[in-house]
Amino acid sequence: VQLAESGGGLVQPGGSLRLSCEASGRFSRIHEMSWYRQASGEQRALVADITSGGGTYVSDPVQGRFTISRDAAKNTVFLQMNNLVPEDTAVYYCNVKYRLNGLYETWGQGTQVTVSL
């Protein structure tokens, strides 16, 4: 399974970005799609995830500003990021857990989000 991420970039504080991640390849079904982020010098941390049933989780630091959604027919997950602050600067990684005679996971290559004047 391969993941194609897009949508990162440079944005001013208060701005918005939308990240996309499309999964392709061989799998029976997708179990869960998630976004993580890793700031310089810090550990990778979960930002938000969405299950195959549509249930969502958004972490406290971004609650009320970020929204996760998906297009199940296109195996694509989105992260809408509003009211961005400099502390949101990080590399954002897509993670997909999928089933194919077992449960597996794969990571995207990461997309840089920089929030700065």
C-alpha atoms as a PDB file:
ATOM      1  CA  VAL A   1       0.000   0.000   0.000  1.00  0.00           C
ATOM      2  CA  GLN A   2       1.337   3.419  -0.958  1.00  0.00           C
ATOM      3  CA  LEU A   3       0.293   6.784   0.427  1.00  0.00           C
ATOM      4  CA  ALA A   4       0.377  10.040  -1.533  1.00  0.00           C
ATOM      5  CA  GLU A   5       0.288  13.145   0.656  1.00  0.00           C
ATOM      6  CA  SER A   6      -0.258  16.698  -0.479  1.00  0.00           C
ATOM      7  CA  GLY A   7      -1.270  20.112   0.779  1.00  0.00           C
ATOM      8  CA  GLY A   8       1.563  21.254   3.022  1.00  0.00           C
ATOM      9  CA  GLY A   9       3.275  24.604   2.739  1.00  0.00           C
ATOM     10  CA  LEU A  10       3.983  27.958   4.327  1.00  0.00           C
ATOM     11  CA  VAL A  11       1.103  29.886   5.848  1.00  0.00           C
ATOM     12  CA  GLN A  12       0.785  32.929   8.106  1.00  0.00           C
ATOM     13  CA  PRO A  13      -0.628  32.630  11.623  1.00  0.00           C
ATOM     14  CA  GLY A  14      -4.405  32.485  11.476  1.00  0.00           C
ATOM     15  CA  GLY A  15      -4.362  30.915   8.032  1.00  0.00           C
ATOM     16  CA  SER A  16      -5.637  27.565   6.819  1.00  0.00           C
ATOM     17  CA  LEU A  17      -4.307  24.541   4.987  1.00  0.00           C
ATOM     18  CA  ARG A  18      -5.880  21.277   3.874  1.00  0.00           C
ATOM     19  CA  LEU A  19      -3.814  18.117   3.786  1.00  0.00           C
ATOM     20  CA  SER A  20      -4.792  15.113   1.672  1.00  0.00           C
ATOM     21  CA  CYS A  21      -3.586  11.518   1.733  1.00  0.00           C
ATOM     22  CA  GLU A  22      -4.667   8.926  -0.809  1.00  0.00           C
ATOM     23  CA  ALA A  23      -4.030   5.225  -0.292  1.00  0.00           C
ATOM     24  CA  SER A  24      -3.456   2.933  -3.241  1.00  0.00           C
ATOM     25  CA  GLY A  25      -2.345  -0.633  -3.732  1.00  0.00           C
ATOM     26  CA  ARG A  26      -3.537  -4.012  -2.528  1.00  0.00           C
ATOM     27  CA  PHE A  27      -5.709  -4.301   0.553  1.00  0.00           C
ATOM     28  CA  SER A  28      -9.057  -5.798   1.445  1.00  0.00           C
ATOM     29  CA  ARG A  29     -10.216  -2.775   3.412  1.00  0.00           C
ATOM     30  CA  ILE A  30      -8.902   0.211   5.294  1.00  0.00           C
ATOM     31  CA  HIS A  31      -9.253  -0.040   9.048  1.00  0.00           C
ATOM     32  CA  GLU A  32      -8.150   3.416  10.167  1.00  0.00           C
ATOM     33  CA  MET A  33      -6.575   6.571   8.700  1.00  0.00           C
ATOM     34  CA  SER A  34      -4.605   8.984  10.866  1.00  0.00           C
ATOM     35  CA  TRP A  35      -2.510  12.121  10.807  1.00  0.00           C
ATOM     36  CA  TYR A  36       0.582  12.478  12.981  1.00  0.00           C
ATOM     37  CA  ARG A  37       3.024  15.343  13.241  1.00  0.00           C
ATOM     38  CA  GLN A  38       6.610  15.699  14.302  1.00  0.00           C
ATOM     39  CA  ALA A  39       8.126  19.042  15.170  1.00  0.00           C
ATOM     40  CA  SER A  40      11.882  19.529  15.147  1.00  0.00           C
ATOM     41  CA  GLY A  41      13.440  17.862  18.192  1.00  0.00           C
ATOM     42  CA  GLU A  42      10.184  16.291  19.324  1.00  0.00           C
ATOM     43  CA  GLN A  43       8.575  12.874  19.080  1.00  0.00           C
ATOM     44  CA  ARG A  44       5.941  12.065  16.507  1.00  0.00           C
ATOM     45  CA  ALA A  45       2.472  12.609  17.958  1.00  0.00           C
ATOM     46  CA  LEU A  46      -1.064  11.706  16.904  1.00  0.00           C
ATOM     47  CA  VAL A  47      -3.069  14.669  15.609  1.00  0.00           C
ATOM     48  CA  ALA A  48      -6.321  13.036  14.507  1.00  0.00           C
ATOM     49  CA  ASP A  49      -7.734   9.802  13.191  1.00  0.00           C
ATOM     50  CA  ILE A  50     -10.850   8.387  11.577  1.00  0.00           C
ATOM     51  CA  THR A  51     -12.007   4.795  11.677  1.00  0.00           C
ATOM     52  CA  SER A  52     -13.653   2.709   8.988  1.00  0.00           C
ATOM     53  CA  GLY A  53     -16.962   3.346  10.747  1.00  0.00           C
ATOM     54  CA  GLY A  54     -16.485   7.097  10.550  1.00  0.00           C
ATOM     55  CA  GLY A  55     -15.642   7.689  14.194  1.00  0.00           C
ATOM     56  CA  THR A  56     -13.142  10.493  14.702  1.00  0.00           C
ATOM     57  CA  TYR A  57     -10.619  11.625  17.295  1.00  0.00           C
ATOM     58  CA  VAL A  58      -8.855  14.987  17.394  1.00  0.00           C
ATOM     59  CA  SER A  59      -6.074  15.671  19.881  1.00  0.00           C
ATOM     60  CA  ASP A  60      -6.415  18.385  22.496  1.00  0.00           C
ATOM     61  CA  PRO A  61      -3.825  20.827  21.050  1.00  0.00           C
ATOM     62  CA  VAL A  62      -5.802  21.146  17.816  1.00  0.00           C
ATOM     63  CA  GLN A  63      -9.339  20.561  19.072  1.00  0.00           C
ATOM     64  CA  GLY A  64     -11.713  23.091  17.560  1.00  0.00           C
ATOM     65  CA  ARG A  65      -9.226  24.123  14.858  1.00  0.00           C
ATOM     66  CA  PHE A  66      -8.521  20.908  12.918  1.00  0.00           C
ATOM     67  CA  THR A  67     -11.057  18.564  11.339  1.00  0.00           C
ATOM     68  CA  ILE A  68     -10.414  15.103   9.926  1.00  0.00           C
ATOM     69  CA  SER A  69     -12.623  13.668   7.209  1.00  0.00           C
ATOM     70  CA  ARG A  70     -12.443  11.094   4.462  1.00  0.00           C
ATOM     71  CA  ASP A  71     -13.684  10.099   1.034  1.00  0.00           C
ATOM     72  CA  ALA A  72     -14.062   6.360   1.544  1.00  0.00           C
ATOM     73  CA  ALA A  73     -14.731   5.699  -2.138  1.00  0.00           C
ATOM     74  CA  LYS A  74     -11.349   7.271  -3.011  1.00  0.00           C
ATOM     75  CA  ASN A  75      -9.478   5.881   0.014  1.00  0.00           C
ATOM     76  CA  THR A  76      -8.511   9.439   0.875  1.00  0.00           C
ATOM     77  CA  VAL A  77      -8.259  11.197   4.219  1.00  0.00           C
ATOM     78  CA  PHE A  78      -8.204  14.949   4.712  1.00  0.00           C
ATOM     79  CA  LEU A  79      -7.007  17.208   7.502  1.00  0.00           C
ATOM     80  CA  GLN A  80      -8.530  20.662   7.425  1.00  0.00           C
ATOM     81  CA  MET A  81      -6.390  22.979   9.537  1.00  0.00           C
ATOM     82  CA  ASN A  82      -7.794  26.373  10.468  1.00  0.00           C
ATOM     83  CA  ASN A  83      -6.529  29.195  12.662  1.00  0.00           C
ATOM     84  CA  LEU A  84      -2.996  27.876  12.422  1.00  0.00           C
ATOM     85  CA  VAL A  85      -0.431  28.973  14.985  1.00  0.00           C
ATOM     86  CA  PRO A  86       3.386  28.755  14.909  1.00  0.00           C
ATOM     87  CA  GLU A  87       3.233  25.771  17.288  1.00  0.00           C
ATOM     88  CA  ASP A  88       1.544  23.785  14.498  1.00  0.00           C
ATOM     89  CA  THR A  89       4.785  23.904  12.488  1.00  0.00           C
ATOM     90  CA  ALA A  90       5.875  20.313  11.882  1.00  0.00           C
ATOM     91  CA  VAL A  91       6.172  17.549   9.349  1.00  0.00           C
ATOM     92  CA  TYR A  92       2.747  15.933   9.037  1.00  0.00           C
ATOM     93  CA  TYR A  93       2.573  12.210   8.314  1.00  0.00           C
ATOM     94  CA  CYS A  94      -0.337  10.143   7.097  1.00  0.00           C
ATOM     95  CA  ASN A  95      -0.746   6.671   8.609  1.00  0.00           C
ATOM     96  CA  VAL A  96      -3.074   3.988   7.321  1.00  0.00           C
ATOM     97  CA  LYS A  97      -3.949   0.709   8.975  1.00  0.00           C
ATOM     98  CA  TYR A  98      -5.372  -1.809   6.543  1.00  0.00           C
ATOM     99  CA  ARG A  99      -6.386  -5.438   6.343  1.00  0.00           C
ATOM    100  CA  LEU A 100      -4.949  -8.015   3.941  1.00  0.00           C
ATOM    101  CA  ASN A 101      -4.940 -11.423   5.618  1.00  0.00           C
ATOM    102  CA  GLY A 102      -3.952  -9.544   8.756  1.00  0.00           C
ATOM    103  CA  LEU A 103      -3.703  -5.967  10.038  1.00  0.00           C
ATOM    104  CA  TYR A 104      -0.864  -3.850   8.689  1.00  0.00           C
ATOM    105  CA  GLU A 105       0.090  -0.201   8.693  1.00  0.00           C
ATOM    106  CA  THR A 106       2.009   2.102   6.390  1.00  0.00           C
ATOM    107  CA  TRP A 107       3.293   5.689   6.567  1.00  0.00           C
ATOM    108  CA  GLY A 108       3.400   8.511   4.071  1.00  0.00           C
ATOM    109  CA  GLN A 109       6.601  10.385   3.298  1.00  0.00           C
ATOM    110  CA  GLY A 110       5.508  13.439   5.260  1.00  0.00           C
ATOM    111  CA  THR A 111       4.589  16.959   4.238  1.00  0.00           C
ATOM    112  CA  GLN A 112       6.030  20.096   5.805  1.00  0.00           C
ATOM    113  CA  VAL A 113       3.676  22.643   7.365  1.00  0.00           C
ATOM    114  CA  THR A 114       5.266  25.928   8.408  1.00  0.00           C
ATOM    115  CA  VAL A 115       3.303  28.639  10.194  1.00  0.00           C
ATOM    116  CA  SER A 116       5.226  31.894  10.196  1.00  0.00           C
ATOM    117  CA  LEU A 117       4.968  35.574   9.342  1.00  0.00           C
END
